[in-house]
Protein backbone atom coordinates (compact mmCIF):
# COMPACT_ATOMS: atom_id res chain seq x y z
CA UNK A 1 -8.69 -38.93 108.41
CA UNK A 2 -8.74 -39.81 112.11
CA UNK A 3 -9.21 -36.99 114.56
CA UNK A 4 -6.64 -36.85 117.31
CA UNK A 5 -7.76 -36.04 120.82
CA UNK A 6 -5.28 -33.72 122.53
CA UNK A 7 -3.03 -35.41 125.04
CA UNK A 8 -4.40 -35.22 128.56
CA UNK A 9 -2.37 -32.79 130.62
CA UNK A 10 -1.39 -34.04 134.04
CA UNK A 11 -3.63 -32.67 136.74
CA UNK A 12 -1.75 -30.41 139.11
CA UNK A 13 -2.61 -30.64 142.79
CA UNK A 14 -2.29 -27.27 144.45
CA UNK A 15 -2.17 -26.52 148.14
CA UNK A 16 -2.62 -23.06 149.58
CA UNK A 17 -1.29 -22.20 153.02
CA UNK A 18 -4.31 -20.10 153.98
CA UNK A 19 -6.68 -22.89 152.95
CA UNK A 20 -4.80 -25.49 154.99
CA UNK A 21 -4.65 -23.21 158.02
CA UNK A 22 -8.40 -22.58 157.79
CA UNK A 23 -9.06 -26.31 157.51
CA UNK A 24 -6.92 -27.24 160.50
CA UNK A 25 -8.03 -24.23 162.53
CA UNK A 26 -11.67 -25.11 161.93
CA UNK A 27 -11.03 -28.75 162.70
CA UNK A 28 -9.30 -27.87 165.96
CA UNK A 29 -12.24 -25.72 167.02
CA UNK A 30 -14.58 -28.63 166.28
CA UNK A 31 -12.23 -30.96 168.16
CA UNK A 32 -12.13 -28.69 171.21
CA UNK A 33 -15.89 -28.22 171.20
CA UNK A 34 -16.59 -31.94 170.77
CA UNK A 35 -14.05 -32.96 173.39
CA UNK A 36 -15.47 -30.51 175.89
CA UNK A 37 -19.01 -31.81 175.39
CA UNK A 38 -17.83 -34.74 177.46
CA UNK A 39 -15.60 -32.58 179.61
CA UNK A 40 -15.00 -32.40 183.30
CA UNK A 41 -16.45 -28.89 183.49
CA UNK A 42 -19.99 -30.13 182.88
CA UNK A 43 -20.31 -32.78 185.56
CA UNK A 44 -20.59 -33.34 189.26
CA UNK A 45 -21.16 -36.32 191.49
CA UNK A 46 -24.69 -35.09 192.09
CA UNK A 47 -25.70 -34.51 188.44
CA UNK A 48 -23.93 -37.27 186.58
CA UNK A 49 -21.85 -40.41 186.71
CA UNK A 50 -18.89 -39.22 184.66
CA UNK A 51 -16.52 -38.74 187.64
CA UNK A 52 -17.45 -42.23 188.84
CA UNK A 53 -16.99 -43.69 185.36
CA UNK A 54 -13.66 -41.90 184.95
CA UNK A 55 -12.49 -43.10 188.37
CA UNK A 56 -13.59 -46.69 187.88
CA UNK A 57 -12.02 -46.74 184.41
CA UNK A 58 -8.80 -45.63 186.10
CA UNK A 59 -9.11 -48.58 188.47
CA UNK A 60 -9.53 -50.88 185.46
CA UNK A 61 -6.39 -49.47 183.85
CA UNK A 62 -4.41 -49.89 187.08
CA UNK A 63 -5.74 -53.43 187.49
CA UNK A 64 -4.65 -54.33 183.94
CA UNK A 65 -1.20 -52.79 184.30
CA UNK A 66 -0.70 -54.60 187.62
CA UNK A 67 -1.83 -57.88 186.06
CA UNK A 68 0.95 -57.67 183.48
CA UNK A 69 3.45 -56.38 186.03
CA UNK A 70 3.85 -52.91 184.53
CA UNK A 71 2.13 -50.54 186.94
CA UNK A 72 5.14 -48.39 187.81
CA UNK A 73 3.96 -44.85 187.09
CA UNK A 74 3.84 -43.85 190.76
CA UNK A 75 7.35 -45.18 191.39
CA UNK A 76 8.72 -43.33 188.37
CA UNK A 77 7.15 -40.05 189.43
CA UNK A 78 8.17 -40.45 193.06
CA UNK A 79 11.84 -40.87 192.13
CA UNK A 80 11.95 -37.51 190.28
CA UNK A 81 9.77 -35.39 192.58
CA UNK A 82 12.76 -34.24 194.61
CA UNK A 83 14.08 -32.38 191.56
CA UNK A 84 11.76 -29.38 191.50
CA UNK A 85 13.37 -27.64 188.54
CA UNK A 86 13.23 -30.87 186.57
CA UNK A 87 9.51 -31.29 187.23
CA UNK A 88 8.85 -27.65 186.37
CA UNK A 89 10.56 -28.21 183.02
CA UNK A 90 8.31 -31.15 182.20
CA UNK A 91 5.22 -29.23 183.26
CA UNK A 92 6.21 -26.54 180.76
CA UNK A 93 6.98 -29.16 178.12
CA UNK A 94 3.59 -30.78 178.61
CA UNK A 95 1.71 -27.53 178.10
CA UNK A 96 3.67 -26.13 175.16
CA UNK A 97 5.44 -28.74 172.99
CA UNK A 98 2.20 -30.59 172.25
CA UNK A 99 0.88 -27.66 170.22
CA UNK A 100 4.04 -25.79 169.23
CA UNK A 101 5.96 -28.72 167.75
CA UNK A 102 2.88 -30.04 165.95
CA UNK A 103 2.27 -26.64 164.37
CA UNK A 104 5.91 -26.36 163.27
CA UNK A 105 5.91 -29.84 161.75
CA UNK A 106 2.62 -29.10 160.00
CA UNK A 107 4.22 -26.03 158.41
CA UNK A 108 7.44 -27.89 157.50
CA UNK A 109 5.40 -30.59 155.77
CA UNK A 110 3.52 -27.96 153.80
CA UNK A 111 6.76 -26.35 152.63
CA UNK A 112 9.09 -29.34 152.25
CA UNK A 113 6.84 -32.35 151.55
CA UNK A 114 3.97 -31.12 149.42
CA UNK A 115 3.82 -34.51 147.70
CA UNK A 116 2.60 -36.21 150.88
CA UNK A 117 1.25 -33.23 152.82
CA UNK A 118 -2.45 -34.09 152.22
CA UNK A 119 -1.92 -37.64 153.47
CA UNK A 120 -0.26 -36.50 156.68
CA UNK A 121 -2.85 -33.79 157.20
CA UNK A 122 -5.60 -36.40 156.86
CA UNK A 123 -3.75 -38.66 159.28
CA UNK A 124 -3.54 -35.96 161.94
CA UNK A 125 -7.21 -35.06 161.56
CA UNK A 126 -8.47 -38.65 161.71
CA UNK A 127 -6.18 -39.52 164.62
CA UNK A 128 -7.59 -36.59 166.56
CA UNK A 129 -11.15 -37.58 165.66
CA UNK A 130 -10.47 -41.07 167.01
CA UNK A 131 -9.28 -39.40 170.19
CA UNK A 132 -12.63 -37.67 170.57
CA UNK A 133 -14.40 -41.02 170.29
CA UNK A 134 -12.11 -42.45 172.95
CA UNK A 135 -12.71 -39.53 175.31
CA UNK A 136 -16.48 -39.90 175.00
CA UNK A 137 -16.64 -43.68 175.30
CA UNK A 138 -13.94 -44.19 177.91
CA UNK A 139 -13.58 -41.16 180.21
CA UNK A 140 -10.46 -41.78 182.24
CA UNK A 141 -9.33 -40.00 185.38
CA UNK A 142 -5.58 -39.34 185.08
CA UNK A 143 -3.28 -40.43 187.93
CA UNK A 144 -2.82 -36.86 189.20
CA UNK A 145 -6.54 -36.54 190.01
CA UNK A 146 -7.12 -39.81 191.85
CA UNK A 147 -6.51 -38.29 195.29
CA UNK A 148 -7.62 -34.70 194.63
CA UNK A 149 -11.00 -33.21 195.71
CA UNK A 150 -14.18 -34.44 194.02
CA UNK A 151 -16.53 -32.17 192.01
CA UNK A 152 -18.71 -31.74 195.09
CA UNK A 153 -15.69 -30.11 196.78
CA UNK A 154 -14.80 -27.92 193.84
CA UNK A 155 -12.33 -30.25 192.14
CA UNK A 156 -12.34 -32.91 189.44
CA UNK A 157 -10.74 -35.75 191.35
CA UNK A 158 -11.77 -38.93 193.11
CA UNK A 159 -10.64 -38.45 196.71
CA UNK A 160 -14.19 -38.99 198.00
CA UNK A 161 -14.73 -42.20 196.01
CA UNK A 162 -14.03 -45.39 197.92
CA UNK A 163 -11.53 -47.77 196.38
CA UNK A 164 -9.85 -50.94 197.54
CA UNK A 165 -6.80 -49.79 195.62
CA UNK A 166 -6.10 -47.24 198.36
CA UNK A 167 -5.69 -50.05 200.89
CA UNK A 168 -4.05 -53.42 201.00
CA UNK A 169 -5.20 -56.13 198.68
CA UNK A 170 -6.57 -59.53 199.72
CA UNK A 171 -3.06 -60.96 199.66
CA UNK A 172 -1.86 -58.41 202.21
CA UNK A 173 0.41 -56.67 199.73
CA UNK A 174 -0.04 -52.90 199.44
CA UNK A 175 -1.41 -52.04 196.03
CA UNK A 176 -0.74 -48.32 196.22
CA UNK A 177 1.21 -45.92 198.42
CA UNK A 178 1.91 -46.58 202.09
CA UNK A 179 -0.30 -43.70 203.29
CA UNK A 180 -3.51 -45.20 201.89
CA UNK A 181 -3.52 -43.06 198.75
CA UNK A 182 -2.65 -43.80 195.17
CA UNK A 183 0.52 -41.82 195.75
CA UNK A 184 0.47 -39.57 192.71
CA UNK A 185 1.17 -35.83 192.87
CA UNK A 186 -0.58 -33.26 190.70
CA UNK A 187 2.65 -31.54 189.72
CA UNK A 188 1.23 -28.45 188.02
CA UNK A 189 -0.25 -26.75 191.12
CA UNK A 190 2.46 -28.18 193.38
CA UNK A 191 5.52 -27.30 191.29
CA UNK A 192 4.32 -24.83 188.64
CA UNK A 193 6.29 -24.22 185.48
CA UNK A 194 3.57 -24.04 182.85
CA UNK A 195 2.09 -20.92 181.30
CA UNK A 196 -1.38 -22.01 182.39
CA UNK A 197 -3.10 -23.98 185.12
CA UNK A 198 -6.12 -26.24 185.28
CA UNK A 199 -7.20 -24.28 188.34
CA UNK A 200 -7.93 -21.12 186.34
CA UNK A 201 -11.57 -20.36 185.58
CA UNK A 202 -10.92 -20.27 181.84
CA UNK A 203 -9.23 -23.67 181.77
CA UNK A 204 -11.91 -25.21 183.97
CA UNK A 205 -14.58 -24.07 181.54
CA UNK A 206 -12.92 -25.41 178.37
CA UNK A 207 -10.86 -28.39 179.48
CA UNK A 208 -11.77 -32.04 179.66
CA UNK A 209 -9.57 -33.45 182.37
CA UNK A 210 -10.83 -36.97 181.72
CA UNK A 211 -9.57 -36.94 178.10
CA UNK A 212 -6.72 -39.32 178.80
CA UNK A 213 -7.38 -42.38 176.62
CA UNK A 214 -6.00 -42.32 173.99
CA UNK A 215 -3.16 -39.90 174.70
CA UNK A 216 -3.09 -37.28 171.97
CA UNK A 217 0.26 -36.12 173.33
CA UNK A 218 1.68 -39.46 172.18
CA UNK A 219 -0.44 -39.60 169.04
CA UNK A 220 0.60 -36.13 167.89
CA UNK A 221 4.28 -36.46 168.88
CA UNK A 222 4.55 -39.77 167.01
CA UNK A 223 2.84 -38.14 164.02
CA UNK A 224 5.49 -35.42 164.10
CA UNK A 225 8.33 -37.96 164.23
CA UNK A 226 7.09 -40.13 161.38
CA UNK A 227 6.16 -37.16 159.20
CA UNK A 228 9.55 -35.40 159.28
CA UNK A 229 11.76 -38.50 159.50
CA UNK A 230 12.47 -38.60 155.71
CA UNK A 231 13.72 -35.00 155.87
CA UNK A 232 16.41 -35.79 158.41
CA UNK A 233 19.84 -36.33 156.86
CA UNK A 234 22.18 -36.40 159.85
CA UNK A 235 22.22 -39.24 162.33
CA UNK A 236 21.81 -36.96 165.36
CA UNK A 237 18.73 -35.40 163.76
CA UNK A 238 17.14 -38.79 163.19
CA UNK A 239 17.84 -39.75 166.81
CA UNK A 240 16.37 -36.46 168.03
CA UNK A 241 13.21 -37.03 166.01
CA UNK A 242 12.74 -40.49 167.52
CA UNK A 243 13.43 -39.17 171.02
CA UNK A 244 10.60 -36.66 170.78
CA UNK A 245 7.73 -39.16 171.31
CA UNK A 246 9.88 -41.04 173.84
CA UNK A 247 10.43 -37.82 175.80
CA UNK A 248 6.71 -37.11 175.58
CA UNK A 249 5.92 -40.53 177.03
CA UNK A 250 8.25 -39.83 179.94
CA UNK A 251 6.63 -36.41 180.38
CA UNK A 252 3.06 -37.66 180.61
CA UNK A 253 4.10 -40.28 183.18
CA UNK A 254 6.34 -38.14 185.40
CA UNK A 255 3.71 -35.38 185.55
CA UNK A 256 0.98 -38.00 186.25
CA UNK A 257 -1.16 -36.74 183.39
CA UNK A 258 -1.44 -40.21 181.88
CA UNK A 259 -0.87 -43.90 182.43
CA UNK A 260 1.69 -45.37 180.06
CA UNK A 261 -1.01 -47.46 178.41
CA UNK A 262 -2.71 -44.24 177.27
CA UNK A 263 0.34 -43.82 175.05
CA UNK A 264 -0.33 -47.21 173.49
CA UNK A 265 -3.84 -45.98 172.77
CA UNK A 266 -2.38 -42.89 171.12
CA UNK A 267 -0.14 -45.03 168.91
CA UNK A 268 -3.08 -47.22 167.93
CA UNK A 269 -5.16 -44.15 167.07
CA UNK A 270 -2.29 -42.90 164.90
CA UNK A 271 -1.97 -46.24 163.10
CA UNK A 272 -5.68 -46.27 162.27
CA UNK A 273 -5.53 -42.59 161.35
CA UNK A 274 -2.64 -43.20 158.94
CA UNK A 275 -4.38 -46.14 157.29
CA UNK A 276 -7.62 -44.22 156.79
CA UNK A 277 -5.87 -40.94 155.97
CA UNK A 278 -3.78 -42.33 153.14
CA UNK A 279 -6.67 -44.39 151.80
CA UNK A 280 -8.90 -41.31 151.83
CA UNK A 281 -6.28 -39.41 149.82
CA UNK A 282 -6.05 -42.20 147.23
CA UNK A 283 -9.81 -42.29 146.81
CA UNK A 284 -9.98 -38.51 146.52
CA UNK A 285 -7.20 -38.48 143.92
CA UNK A 286 -9.01 -41.06 141.79
CA UNK A 287 -12.18 -38.99 142.00
CA UNK A 288 -10.38 -35.82 140.95
CA UNK A 289 -8.55 -37.64 138.15
CA UNK A 290 -11.86 -38.91 136.75
CA UNK A 291 -13.31 -35.40 136.92
CA UNK A 292 -10.21 -34.02 135.18
CA UNK A 293 -10.46 -36.70 132.48
CA UNK A 294 -14.14 -35.97 131.92
CA UNK A 295 -13.51 -32.24 131.66
CA UNK A 296 -10.67 -32.82 129.18
CA UNK A 297 -12.77 -35.09 126.96
CA UNK A 298 -15.72 -32.71 127.04
CA UNK A 299 -13.47 -29.82 126.04
CA UNK A 300 -11.98 -31.85 123.18
CA UNK A 301 -15.42 -32.77 121.84
CA UNK A 302 -16.67 -29.19 121.92
CA UNK A 303 -13.61 -27.72 120.21
CA UNK A 304 -14.20 -26.76 116.57
CA UNK A 305 -12.46 -28.90 113.96
């Protein structure tokens, strides 16, 4: 008489909120620590070349954008600077939505989309890790710092660094603003509106003001949009979801925290993060399924007949 092996029960994947929060909290601490290893708080023109690298990388970005006819960040910002309340709103948006909306979407995914939550969690983590690599390999001075005091004068900017981009080009056409500067305004100290400031001692010690490429504001906001899109039923909700990364792109440009191409870098980081994140989940599921199968077979063999 043939012995029948009990039918293999389907393995149940369980997620626990406290476990996920510990994972993401720990990852964010590692992210902050790693990002700040290459941060603006640890350099000066006398002790390192990072301000020079960040400034010259900014020149390269400007040169590329001008070559393709899309260097318009200064013009966009200049048009809106007369609306102080408007700029204050976007300063607040820049400092709060990036974290608040991402946290809310993370929680919504955990509650509403448990079937794909691990994949999206992996995507966010890997996207952020790619950001760290970008910050370390390509420090980039954001537009708002190009004309602010250098580290030797207590700032993080490049005002003391000579650049042909502050003057007229060889063809006699002004490449930047008419006053011999790049023309960008650091809106946070000038207009206020955020709950924090880069000028505070605490922010100076933990921030990396050259962490501009890729833009994690765009990477994370796009992650939020793609992750919750299937949950949206009404047309207005779908439009609102798509407008979130678009609004974030406008925000980072009008506040001069990024060049628009940093957003492209953020999208690319997200695309790679999604590819690796979902593949990692598939591989992990196969590993766990094999372990579950082995445990089931071992139990069946050891059971008395």
